[in-house]
Every structure is written in C-alpha cells, then in structure tokens.
PDB file of all heavy atoms in Angstrom:
ATOM      1  N   THR A   1     146.028  -9.297 206.777  1.00  0.00           N
ATOM      2  CA  THR A   1     144.725  -8.815 207.232  1.00  0.00           C
ATOM      3  C   THR A   1     144.843  -7.883 208.427  1.00  0.00           C
ATOM      4  O   THR A   1     143.963  -7.060 208.651  1.00  0.00           O
ATOM      5  CB  THR A   1     143.768  -9.975 207.572  1.00  0.00           C
ATOM      6  OG1 THR A   1     144.351 -10.806 208.570  1.00  0.00           O
ATOM      7  CG2 THR A   1     143.437 -10.798 206.333  1.00  0.00           C
ATOM      8  N   SER A   2     145.937  -7.997 209.180  1.00  0.00           N
ATOM      9  CA  SER A   2     146.121  -7.083 210.306  1.00  0.00           C
ATOM     10  C   SER A   2     146.769  -5.768 209.876  1.00  0.00           C
ATOM     11  O   SER A   2     146.711  -4.780 210.598  1.00  0.00           O
ATOM     12  CB  SER A   2     146.957  -7.742 211.408  1.00  0.00           C
ATOM     13  OG  SER A   2     148.273  -7.967 210.963  1.00  0.00           O
ATOM     14  N   GLU A   3     147.349  -5.754 208.678  1.00  0.00           N
ATOM     15  CA  GLU A   3     148.061  -4.569 208.213  1.00  0.00           C
ATOM     16  C   GLU A   3     147.276  -3.754 207.180  1.00  0.00           C
ATOM     17  O   GLU A   3     147.397  -2.537 207.126  1.00  0.00           O
ATOM     18  CB  GLU A   3     149.399  -4.990 207.604  1.00  0.00           C
ATOM     19  CG  GLU A   3     150.299  -3.841 207.225  1.00  0.00           C
ATOM     20  CD  GLU A   3     151.651  -4.314 206.726  1.00  0.00           C
ATOM     21  OE1 GLU A   3     152.027  -5.475 206.988  1.00  0.00           O
ATOM     22  OE2 GLU A   3     152.324  -3.513 206.063  1.00  0.00           O
ATOM     23  N   PHE A   4     146.472  -4.431 206.353  1.00  0.00           N
ATOM     24  CA  PHE A   4     145.773  -3.766 205.258  1.00  0.00           C
ATOM     25  C   PHE A   4     144.271  -3.989 205.378  1.00  0.00           C
ATOM     26  O   PHE A   4     143.817  -4.868 206.107  1.00  0.00           O
ATOM     27  CB  PHE A   4     146.248  -4.313 203.899  1.00  0.00           C
ATOM     28  CG  PHE A   4     147.708  -4.129 203.645  1.00  0.00           C
ATOM     29  CD1 PHE A   4     148.608  -5.170 203.870  1.00  0.00           C
ATOM     30  CD2 PHE A   4     148.204  -2.921 203.188  1.00  0.00           C
ATOM     31  CE1 PHE A   4     149.959  -5.016 203.638  1.00  0.00           C
ATOM     32  CE2 PHE A   4     149.564  -2.747 202.947  1.00  0.00           C
ATOM     33  CZ  PHE A   4     150.434  -3.800 203.178  1.00  0.00           C
ATOM     34  N   ASN A   5     143.501  -3.209 204.603  1.00  0.00           N
ATOM     35  CA  ASN A   5     142.063  -3.434 204.513  1.00  0.00           C
ATOM     36  C   ASN A   5     141.545  -2.943 203.169  1.00  0.00           C
ATOM     37  O   ASN A   5     142.280  -2.335 202.392  1.00  0.00           O
ATOM     38  CB  ASN A   5     141.309  -2.772 205.676  1.00  0.00           C
ATOM     39  CG  ASN A   5     141.580  -1.291 205.784  1.00  0.00           C
ATOM     40  OD1 ASN A   5     141.539  -0.568 204.801  1.00  0.00           O
ATOM     41  ND2 ASN A   5     141.876  -0.842 206.990  1.00  0.00           N
ATOM     42  N   GLY A   6     140.292  -3.241 202.895  1.00  0.00           N
ATOM     43  CA  GLY A   6     139.660  -2.792 201.665  1.00  0.00           C
ATOM     44  C   GLY A   6     140.286  -3.369 200.409  1.00  0.00           C
ATOM     45  O   GLY A   6     140.742  -4.507 200.371  1.00  0.00           O
ATOM     46  N   GLU A   7     140.299  -2.540 199.371  1.00  0.00           N
ATOM     47  CA  GLU A   7     140.795  -2.966 198.065  1.00  0.00           C
ATOM     48  C   GLU A   7     142.284  -3.324 198.099  1.00  0.00           C
ATOM     49  O   GLU A   7     142.728  -4.260 197.428  1.00  0.00           O
ATOM     50  CB  GLU A   7     140.546  -1.863 197.032  1.00  0.00           C
ATOM     51  CG  GLU A   7     140.856  -2.269 195.612  1.00  0.00           C
ATOM     52  CD  GLU A   7     140.041  -3.445 195.107  1.00  0.00           C
ATOM     53  OE1 GLU A   7     138.853  -3.562 195.471  1.00  0.00           O
ATOM     54  OE2 GLU A   7     140.608  -4.268 194.365  1.00  0.00           O
ATOM     55  N   GLU A   8     143.036  -2.597 198.912  1.00  0.00           N
ATOM     56  CA  GLU A   8     144.472  -2.892 199.024  1.00  0.00           C
ATOM     57  C   GLU A   8     144.693  -4.288 199.611  1.00  0.00           C
ATOM     58  O   GLU A   8     145.560  -5.039 199.147  1.00  0.00           O
ATOM     59  CB  GLU A   8     145.156  -1.829 199.888  1.00  0.00           C
ATOM     60  CG  GLU A   8     146.655  -1.947 199.896  1.00  0.00           C
ATOM     61  CD  GLU A   8     147.334  -0.818 200.665  1.00  0.00           C
ATOM     62  OE1 GLU A   8     146.672  -0.136 201.481  1.00  0.00           O
ATOM     63  OE2 GLU A   8     148.539  -0.645 200.438  1.00  0.00           O
ATOM     64  N   LEU A   9     143.890  -4.652 200.608  1.00  0.00           N
ATOM     65  CA  LEU A   9     143.984  -5.989 201.188  1.00  0.00           C
ATOM     66  C   LEU A   9     143.645  -7.041 200.146  1.00  0.00           C
ATOM     67  O   LEU A   9     144.359  -8.051 200.022  1.00  0.00           O
ATOM     68  CB  LEU A   9     143.057  -6.129 202.399  1.00  0.00           C
ATOM     69  CG  LEU A   9     142.940  -7.535 202.994  1.00  0.00           C
ATOM     70  CD1 LEU A   9     144.296  -8.034 203.474  1.00  0.00           C
ATOM     71  CD2 LEU A   9     141.915  -7.555 204.114  1.00  0.00           C
ATOM     72  N   GLU A  10     142.579  -6.832 199.389  1.00  0.00           N
ATOM     73  CA  GLU A  10     142.193  -7.799 198.365  1.00  0.00           C
ATOM     74  C   GLU A  10     143.292  -7.991 197.328  1.00  0.00           C
ATOM     75  O   GLU A  10     143.567  -9.115 196.901  1.00  0.00           O
ATOM     76  CB  GLU A  10     140.888  -7.379 197.690  1.00  0.00           C
ATOM     77  CG  GLU A  10     139.669  -7.596 198.554  1.00  0.00           C
ATOM     78  CD  GLU A  10     139.541  -9.025 199.054  1.00  0.00           C
ATOM     79  OE1 GLU A  10     139.691  -9.976 198.244  1.00  0.00           O
ATOM     80  OE2 GLU A  10     139.327  -9.201 200.260  1.00  0.00           O
ATOM     81  N   GLN A  11     143.931  -6.912 196.947  1.00  0.00           N
ATOM     82  CA  GLN A  11     145.023  -7.008 195.978  1.00  0.00           C
ATOM     83  C   GLN A  11     146.189  -7.810 196.565  1.00  0.00           C
ATOM     84  O   GLN A  11     146.754  -8.679 195.899  1.00  0.00           O
ATOM     85  CB  GLN A  11     145.495  -5.614 195.570  1.00  0.00           C
ATOM     86  CG  GLN A  11     146.624  -5.643 194.576  1.00  0.00           C
ATOM     87  CD  GLN A  11     147.122  -4.246 194.215  1.00  0.00           C
ATOM     88  OE1 GLN A  11     146.610  -3.245 194.691  1.00  0.00           O
ATOM     89  NE2 GLN A  11     148.143  -4.193 193.392  1.00  0.00           N
ATOM     90  N   LYS A  12     146.545  -7.521 197.809  1.00  0.00           N
ATOM     91  CA  LYS A  12     147.645  -8.244 198.463  1.00  0.00           C
ATOM     92  C   LYS A  12     147.307  -9.728 198.612  1.00  0.00           C
ATOM     93  O   LYS A  12     148.170 -10.599 198.422  1.00  0.00           O
ATOM     94  CB  LYS A  12     147.948  -7.638 199.835  1.00  0.00           C
ATOM     95  CG  LYS A  12     148.412  -6.201 199.797  1.00  0.00           C
ATOM     96  CD  LYS A  12     149.845  -6.115 199.387  1.00  0.00           C
ATOM     97  CE  LYS A  12     150.333  -4.675 199.522  1.00  0.00           C
ATOM     98  NZ  LYS A  12     151.662  -4.499 198.982  1.00  0.00           N
ATOM     99  N   LEU A  13     146.052 -10.021 198.972  1.00  0.00           N
ATOM    100  CA  LEU A  13     145.643 -11.420 199.125  1.00  0.00           C
ATOM    101  C   LEU A  13     145.678 -12.144 197.779  1.00  0.00           C
ATOM    102  O   LEU A  13     146.089 -13.313 197.717  1.00  0.00           O
ATOM    103  CB  LEU A  13     144.251 -11.513 199.746  1.00  0.00           C
ATOM    104  CG  LEU A  13     144.155 -11.123 201.214  1.00  0.00           C
ATOM    105  CD1 LEU A  13     142.702 -11.146 201.675  1.00  0.00           C
ATOM    106  CD2 LEU A  13     145.008 -12.017 202.094  1.00  0.00           C
ATOM    107  N   ASP A  14     145.239 -11.479 196.717  1.00  0.00           N
ATOM    108  CA  ASP A  14     145.306 -12.095 195.388  1.00  0.00           C
ATOM    109  C   ASP A  14     146.750 -12.433 195.021  1.00  0.00           C
ATOM    110  O   ASP A  14     147.039 -13.516 194.508  1.00  0.00           O
ATOM    111  CB  ASP A  14     144.706 -11.168 194.329  1.00  0.00           C
ATOM    112  CG  ASP A  14     143.186 -11.126 194.362  1.00  0.00           C
ATOM    113  OD1 ASP A  14     142.568 -12.042 194.953  1.00  0.00           O
ATOM    114  OD2 ASP A  14     142.618 -10.171 193.807  1.00  0.00           O
ATOM    115  N   GLU A  15     147.667 -11.505 195.295  1.00  0.00           N
ATOM    116  CA  GLU A  15     149.085 -11.747 195.010  1.00  0.00           C
ATOM    117  C   GLU A  15     149.610 -12.920 195.830  1.00  0.00           C
ATOM    118  O   GLU A  15     150.343 -13.779 195.315  1.00  0.00           O
ATOM    119  CB  GLU A  15     149.899 -10.492 195.317  1.00  0.00           C
ATOM    120  CG  GLU A  15     149.632  -9.336 194.381  1.00  0.00           C
ATOM    121  CD  GLU A  15     150.272  -8.030 194.836  1.00  0.00           C
ATOM    122  OE1 GLU A  15     151.026  -8.036 195.842  1.00  0.00           O
ATOM    123  OE2 GLU A  15     150.010  -7.006 194.186  1.00  0.00           O
ATOM    124  N   LEU A  16     149.224 -12.972 197.104  1.00  0.00           N
ATOM    125  CA  LEU A  16     149.670 -14.048 197.985  1.00  0.00           C
ATOM    126  C   LEU A  16     149.121 -15.395 197.516  1.00  0.00           C
ATOM    127  O   LEU A  16     149.852 -16.388 197.482  1.00  0.00           O
ATOM    128  CB  LEU A  16     149.239 -13.764 199.427  1.00  0.00           C
ATOM    129  CG  LEU A  16     149.699 -14.753 200.477  1.00  0.00           C
ATOM    130  CD1 LEU A  16     151.226 -14.743 200.592  1.00  0.00           C
ATOM    131  CD2 LEU A  16     149.060 -14.433 201.821  1.00  0.00           C
ATOM    132  N   ARG A  17     147.844 -15.434 197.152  1.00  0.00           N
ATOM    133  CA  ARG A  17     147.251 -16.679 196.655  1.00  0.00           C
ATOM    134  C   ARG A  17     147.968 -17.150 195.392  1.00  0.00           C
ATOM    135  O   ARG A  17     148.260 -18.342 195.258  1.00  0.00           O
ATOM    136  CB  ARG A  17     145.767 -16.479 196.364  1.00  0.00           C
ATOM    137  CG  ARG A  17     144.909 -16.406 197.579  1.00  0.00           C
ATOM    138  CD  ARG A  17     143.433 -16.327 197.186  1.00  0.00           C
ATOM    139  NE  ARG A  17     142.684 -15.692 198.219  1.00  0.00           N
ATOM    140  CZ  ARG A  17     142.251 -14.433 198.191  1.00  0.00           C
ATOM    141  NH1 ARG A  17     142.460 -13.670 197.143  1.00  0.00           N
ATOM    142  NH2 ARG A  17     141.577 -13.938 199.207  1.00  0.00           N
ATOM    143  N   ASN A  18     148.239 -16.225 194.485  1.00  0.00           N
ATOM    144  CA  ASN A  18     148.946 -16.605 193.250  1.00  0.00           C
ATOM    145  C   ASN A  18     150.332 -17.137 193.552  1.00  0.00           C
ATOM    146  O   ASN A  18     150.788 -18.102 192.926  1.00  0.00           O
ATOM    147  CB  ASN A  18     149.023 -15.413 192.291  1.00  0.00           C
ATOM    148  CG  ASN A  18     147.714 -15.145 191.613  1.00  0.00           C
ATOM    149  OD1 ASN A  18     146.972 -16.070 191.288  1.00  0.00           O
ATOM    150  ND2 ASN A  18     147.407 -13.883 191.390  1.00  0.00           N
ATOM    151  N   GLU A  19     151.002 -16.516 194.502  1.00  0.00           N
ATOM    152  CA  GLU A  19     152.348 -16.949 194.893  1.00  0.00           C
ATOM    153  C   GLU A  19     152.326 -18.370 195.449  1.00  0.00           C
ATOM    154  O   GLU A  19     153.185 -19.186 195.123  1.00  0.00           O
ATOM    155  CB  GLU A  19     152.897 -15.976 195.936  1.00  0.00           C
ATOM    156  CG  GLU A  19     154.225 -16.359 196.530  1.00  0.00           C
ATOM    157  CD  GLU A  19     154.619 -15.429 197.677  1.00  0.00           C
ATOM    158  OE1 GLU A  19     154.287 -14.228 197.620  1.00  0.00           O
ATOM    159  OE2 GLU A  19     155.241 -15.928 198.627  1.00  0.00           O
ATOM    160  N   HIS A  20     151.340 -18.667 196.271  1.00  0.00           N
ATOM    161  CA  HIS A  20     151.307 -19.970 196.949  1.00  0.00           C
ATOM    162  C   HIS A  20     150.578 -21.065 196.172  1.00  0.00           C
ATOM    163  O   HIS A  20     150.912 -22.239 196.319  1.00  0.00           O
ATOM    164  CB  HIS A  20     150.670 -19.824 198.332  1.00  0.00           C
ATOM    165  CG  HIS A  20     151.616 -19.286 199.347  1.00  0.00           C
ATOM    166  ND1 HIS A  20     152.418 -20.082 200.118  1.00  0.00           N
ATOM    167  CD2 HIS A  20     151.923 -18.015 199.688  1.00  0.00           C
ATOM    168  CE1 HIS A  20     153.167 -19.328 200.903  1.00  0.00           C
ATOM    169  NE2 HIS A  20     152.887 -18.073 200.649  1.00  0.00           N
ATOM    170  N   PHE A  21     149.565 -20.696 195.387  1.00  0.00           N
ATOM    171  CA  PHE A  21     148.716 -21.717 194.781  1.00  0.00           C
ATOM    172  C   PHE A  21     148.669 -21.690 193.265  1.00  0.00           C
ATOM    173  O   PHE A  21     148.043 -22.557 192.659  1.00  0.00           O
ATOM    174  CB  PHE A  21     147.295 -21.602 195.350  1.00  0.00           C
ATOM    175  CG  PHE A  21     147.256 -21.687 196.845  1.00  0.00           C
ATOM    176  CD1 PHE A  21     146.918 -20.580 197.600  1.00  0.00           C
ATOM    177  CD2 PHE A  21     147.604 -22.849 197.507  1.00  0.00           C
ATOM    178  CE1 PHE A  21     146.896 -20.630 198.982  1.00  0.00           C
ATOM    179  CE2 PHE A  21     147.587 -22.925 198.889  1.00  0.00           C
ATOM    180  CZ  PHE A  21     147.234 -21.810 199.627  1.00  0.00           C
ATOM    181  N   GLY A  22     149.300 -20.690 192.661  1.00  0.00           N
ATOM    182  CA  GLY A  22     149.358 -20.641 191.194  1.00  0.00           C
ATOM    183  C   GLY A  22     147.988 -20.712 190.551  1.00  0.00           C
ATOM    184  O   GLY A  22     147.101 -19.920 190.860  1.00  0.00           O
ATOM    185  N   SER A  23     147.808 -21.686 189.669  1.00  0.00           N
ATOM    186  CA  SER A  23     146.554 -21.805 188.914  1.00  0.00           C
ATOM    187  C   SER A  23     145.356 -22.154 189.795  1.00  0.00           C
ATOM    188  O   SER A  23     144.215 -22.015 189.365  1.00  0.00           O
ATOM    189  CB  SER A  23     146.706 -22.850 187.807  1.00  0.00           C
ATOM    190  OG  SER A  23     146.974 -24.117 188.371  1.00  0.00           O
ATOM    191  N   ASN A  24     145.588 -22.593 191.017  1.00  0.00           N
ATOM    192  CA  ASN A  24     144.499 -22.910 191.936  1.00  0.00           C
ATOM    193  C   ASN A  24     144.114 -21.737 192.832  1.00  0.00           C
ATOM    194  O   ASN A  24     143.255 -21.877 193.696  1.00  0.00           O
ATOM    195  CB  ASN A  24     144.871 -24.115 192.815  1.00  0.00           C
ATOM    196  CG  ASN A  24     144.942 -25.389 192.010  1.00  0.00           C
ATOM    197  OD1 ASN A  24     144.139 -25.609 191.115  1.00  0.00           O
ATOM    198  ND2 ASN A  24     145.916 -26.223 192.316  1.00  0.00           N
ATOM    199  N   ALA A  25     144.737 -20.584 192.616  1.00  0.00           N
ATOM    200  CA  ALA A  25     144.469 -19.413 193.462  1.00  0.00           C
ATOM    201  C   ALA A  25     142.999 -19.014 193.431  1.00  0.00           C
ATOM    202  O   ALA A  25     142.430 -18.646 194.463  1.00  0.00           O
ATOM    203  CB  ALA A  25     145.350 -18.241 193.037  1.00  0.00           C
ATOM    204  N   SER A  26     142.365 -19.104 192.278  1.00  0.00           N
ATOM    205  CA  SER A  26     140.956 -18.710 192.181  1.00  0.00           C
ATOM    206  C   SER A  26     140.057 -19.662 192.961  1.00  0.00           C
ATOM    207  O   SER A  26     139.029 -19.240 193.504  1.00  0.00           O
ATOM    208  CB  SER A  26     140.513 -18.640 190.721  1.00  0.00           C
ATOM    209  OG  SER A  26     140.635 -19.904 190.106  1.00  0.00           O
ATOM    210  N   ILE A  27     140.438 -20.918 193.059  1.00  0.00           N
ATOM    211  CA  ILE A  27     139.667 -21.887 193.853  1.00  0.00           C
ATOM    212  C   ILE A  27     139.743 -21.508 195.325  1.00  0.00           C
ATOM    213  O   ILE A  27     138.727 -21.488 196.028  1.00  0.00           O
ATOM    214  CB  ILE A  27     140.191 -23.319 193.625  1.00  0.00           C
ATOM    215  CG1 ILE A  27     139.950 -23.737 192.176  1.00  0.00           C
ATOM    216  CG2 ILE A  27     139.555 -24.301 194.599  1.00  0.00           C
ATOM    217  CD1 ILE A  27     140.648 -25.015 191.773  1.00  0.00           C
ATOM    218  N   ILE A  28     140.945 -21.198 195.797  1.00  0.00           N
ATOM    219  CA  ILE A  28     141.136 -20.804 197.192  1.00  0.00           C
ATOM    220  C   ILE A  28     140.348 -19.529 197.477  1.00  0.00           C
ATOM    221  O   ILE A  28     139.673 -19.419 198.510  1.00  0.00           O
ATOM    222  CB  ILE A  28     142.633 -20.602 197.506  1.00  0.00           C
ATOM    223  CG1 ILE A  28     143.430 -21.892 197.244  1.00  0.00           C
ATOM    224  CG2 ILE A  28     142.832 -20.111 198.930  1.00  0.00           C
ATOM    225  CD1 ILE A  28     143.048 -23.074 198.103  1.00  0.00           C
ATOM    226  N   LYS A  29     140.395 -18.578 196.564  1.00  0.00           N
ATOM    227  CA  LYS A  29     139.659 -17.316 196.736  1.00  0.00           C
ATOM    228  C   LYS A  29     138.161 -17.582 196.847  1.00  0.00           C
ATOM    229  O   LYS A  29     137.482 -17.012 197.695  1.00  0.00           O
ATOM    230  CB  LYS A  29     139.947 -16.361 195.583  1.00  0.00           C
ATOM    231  CG  LYS A  29     139.278 -15.021 195.743  1.00  0.00           C
ATOM    232  CD  LYS A  29     139.652 -14.064 194.637  1.00  0.00           C
ATOM    233  CE  LYS A  29     139.042 -12.693 194.882  1.00  0.00           C
ATOM    234  NZ  LYS A  29     139.549 -11.697 193.935  1.00  0.00           N
ATOM    235  N   GLY A  30     137.650 -18.440 195.996  1.00  0.00           N
ATOM    236  CA  GLY A  30     136.230 -18.791 196.048  1.00  0.00           C
ATOM    237  C   GLY A  30     135.841 -19.435 197.364  1.00  0.00           C
ATOM    238  O   GLY A  30     134.789 -19.125 197.927  1.00  0.00           O
ATOM    239  N   GLU A  31     136.682 -20.337 197.842  1.00  0.00           N
ATOM    240  CA  GLU A  31     136.409 -20.980 199.135  1.00  0.00           C
ATOM    241  C   GLU A  31     136.382 -19.938 200.244  1.00  0.00           C
ATOM    242  O   GLU A  31     135.489 -19.947 201.094  1.00  0.00           O
ATOM    243  CB  GLU A  31     137.477 -22.030 199.433  1.00  0.00           C
ATOM    244  CG  GLU A  31     137.384 -23.258 198.563  1.00  0.00           C
ATOM    245  CD  GLU A  31     138.517 -24.239 198.797  1.00  0.00           C
ATOM    246  OE1 GLU A  31     139.446 -23.952 199.583  1.00  0.00           O
ATOM    247  OE2 GLU A  31     138.476 -25.307 198.178  1.00  0.00           O
ATOM    248  N   GLU A  32     137.367 -19.051 200.238  1.00  0.00           N
ATOM    249  CA  GLU A  32     137.446 -18.037 201.277  1.00  0.00           C
ATOM    250  C   GLU A  32     136.261 -17.078 201.209  1.00  0.00           C
ATOM    251  O   GLU A  32     135.750 -16.645 202.244  1.00  0.00           O
ATOM    252  CB  GLU A  32     138.766 -17.273 201.180  1.00  0.00           C
ATOM    253  CG  GLU A  32     139.957 -18.133 201.534  1.00  0.00           C
ATOM    254  CD  GLU A  32     141.287 -17.435 201.375  1.00  0.00           C
ATOM    255  OE1 GLU A  32     141.327 -16.285 200.897  1.00  0.00           O
ATOM    256  OE2 GLU A  32     142.305 -18.053 201.732  1.00  0.00           O
ATOM    257  N   SER A  33     135.782 -16.784 200.012  1.00  0.00           N
ATOM    258  CA  SER A  33     134.618 -15.913 199.849  1.00  0.00           C
ATOM    259  C   SER A  33     133.375 -16.518 200.485  1.00  0.00           C
ATOM    260  O   SER A  33     132.499 -15.802 200.955  1.00  0.00           O
ATOM    261  CB  SER A  33     134.349 -15.643 198.369  1.00  0.00           C
ATOM    262  OG  SER A  33     135.399 -14.909 197.810  1.00  0.00           O
ATOM    263  N   SER A  34     133.313 -17.849 200.487  1.00  0.00           N
ATOM    264  CA  SER A  34     132.168 -18.530 201.089  1.00  0.00           C
ATOM    265  C   SER A  34     132.376 -18.815 202.577  1.00  0.00           C
ATOM    266  O   SER A  34     131.507 -19.401 203.225  1.00  0.00           O
ATOM    267  CB  SER A  34     131.881 -19.833 200.346  1.00  0.00           C
ATOM    268  OG  SER A  34     132.894 -20.787 200.604  1.00  0.00           O
ATOM    269  N   GLY A  35     133.531 -18.415 203.115  1.00  0.00           N
ATOM    270  CA  GLY A  35     133.800 -18.607 204.539  1.00  0.00           C
ATOM    271  C   GLY A  35     134.546 -19.882 204.884  1.00  0.00           C
ATOM    272  O   GLY A  35     134.738 -20.202 206.048  1.00  0.00           O
ATOM    273  N   MET A  36     134.974 -20.628 203.869  1.00  0.00           N
ATOM    274  CA  MET A  36     135.690 -21.882 204.108  1.00  0.00           C
ATOM    275  C   MET A  36     137.188 -21.669 203.916  1.00  0.00           C
ATOM    276  O   MET A  36     137.624 -21.220 202.864  1.00  0.00           O
ATOM    277  CB  MET A  36     135.196 -22.945 203.125  1.00  0.00           C
ATOM    278  CG  MET A  36     135.552 -24.363 203.545  1.00  0.00           C
ATOM    279  SD  MET A  36     137.247 -24.805 203.282  1.00  0.00           S
ATOM    280  CE  MET A  36     137.111 -26.142 202.163  1.00  0.00           C
ATOM    281  N   PHE A  37     137.950 -21.967 204.949  1.00  0.00           N
ATOM    282  CA  PHE A  37     139.404 -21.850 204.902  1.00  0.00           C
ATOM    283  C   PHE A  37     139.972 -23.251 205.119  1.00  0.00           C
ATOM    284  O   PHE A  37     140.060 -23.727 206.242  1.00  0.00           O
ATOM    285  CB  PHE A  37     139.894 -20.872 205.972  1.00  0.00           C
ATOM    286  CG  PHE A  37     139.444 -19.466 205.728  1.00  0.00           C
ATOM    287  CD1 PHE A  37     138.189 -19.040 206.127  1.00  0.00           C
ATOM    288  CD2 PHE A  37     140.275 -18.571 205.071  1.00  0.00           C
ATOM    289  CE1 PHE A  37     137.767 -17.750 205.887  1.00  0.00           C
ATOM    290  CE2 PHE A  37     139.861 -17.271 204.822  1.00  0.00           C
ATOM    291  CZ  PHE A  37     138.604 -16.862 205.232  1.00  0.00           C
ATOM    292  N   ARG A  38     140.345 -23.890 204.013  1.00  0.00           N
ATOM    293  CA  ARG A  38     140.714 -25.310 204.073  1.00  0.00           C
ATOM    294  C   ARG A  38     141.889 -25.620 204.986  1.00  0.00           C
ATOM    295  O   ARG A  38     142.015 -26.737 205.470  1.00  0.00           O
ATOM    296  CB  ARG A  38     140.960 -25.863 202.677  1.00  0.00           C
ATOM    297  CG  ARG A  38     142.207 -25.355 201.997  1.00  0.00           C
ATOM    298  CD  ARG A  38     142.555 -26.113 200.749  1.00  0.00           C
ATOM    299  NE  ARG A  38     141.583 -25.914 199.692  1.00  0.00           N
ATOM    300  CZ  ARG A  38     141.659 -26.533 198.522  1.00  0.00           C
ATOM    301  NH1 ARG A  38     142.642 -27.366 198.273  1.00  0.00           N
ATOM    302  NH2 ARG A  38     140.765 -26.309 197.596  1.00  0.00           N
ATOM    303  N   PHE A  39     142.763 -24.659 205.218  1.00  0.00           N
ATOM    304  CA  PHE A  39     143.935 -24.959 206.035  1.00  0.00           C
ATOM    305  C   PHE A  39     143.719 -24.654 207.516  1.00  0.00           C
ATOM    306  O   PHE A  39     144.653 -24.695 208.300  1.00  0.00           O
ATOM    307  CB  PHE A  39     145.163 -24.231 205.477  1.00  0.00           C
ATOM    308  CG  PHE A  39     145.487 -24.689 204.082  1.00  0.00           C
ATOM    309  CD1 PHE A  39     145.194 -23.891 202.984  1.00  0.00           C
ATOM    310  CD2 PHE A  39     146.034 -25.938 203.860  1.00  0.00           C
ATOM    311  CE1 PHE A  39     145.465 -24.324 201.695  1.00  0.00           C
ATOM    312  CE2 PHE A  39     146.301 -26.389 202.578  1.00  0.00           C
ATOM    313  CZ  PHE A  39     146.018 -25.575 201.490  1.00  0.00           C
ATOM    314  N   THR A  40     142.478 -24.355 207.882  1.00  0.00           N
ATOM    315  CA  THR A  40     142.153 -24.189 209.302  1.00  0.00           C
ATOM    316  C   THR A  40     141.370 -25.383 209.827  1.00  0.00           C
ATOM    317  O   THR A  40     141.169 -25.490 211.025  1.00  0.00           O
ATOM    318  CB  THR A  40     141.332 -22.900 209.554  1.00  0.00           C
ATOM    319  OG1 THR A  40     140.107 -22.972 208.846  1.00  0.00           O
ATOM    320  CG2 THR A  40     142.111 -21.670 209.133  1.00  0.00           C
ATOM    321  N   VAL A  41     140.938 -26.261 208.928  1.00  0.00           N
ATOM    322  CA  VAL A  41     140.214 -27.450 209.360  1.00  0.00           C
ATOM    323  C   VAL A  41     141.203 -28.530 209.797  1.00  0.00           C
ATOM    324  O   VAL A  41     142.384 -28.474 209.452  1.00  0.00           O
ATOM    325  CB  VAL A  41     139.286 -28.006 208.252  1.00  0.00           C
ATOM    326  CG1 VAL A  41     138.232 -26.994 207.880  1.00  0.00           C
ATOM    327  CG2 VAL A  41     140.075 -28.433 207.038  1.00  0.00           C
TER     328      VAL A  41
END
C-alpha cells in the first residue's frame, strides 16, 4: 500500500491474498472492503 495505488495495488493485493489464504482469499477481501482487518484486532 505504500508502494502502489489504484488498480495496480488491487491486483497486487489480490495476488498476496491468494498466496497467503488460498481459497479463503475472497473472504479476506470482503472483510477488508468493509473496513475489517481481522489480523489487527
């Protein structure tokens, strides 16, 4: 997020989520879209 922005950032974040969470990446993306970041609580 400090290096990229816009569509390029979204693409990089999608790749990162897939790398770390696999089939649950879309769940993490949905949470983040709503402002909830489970690993900051």
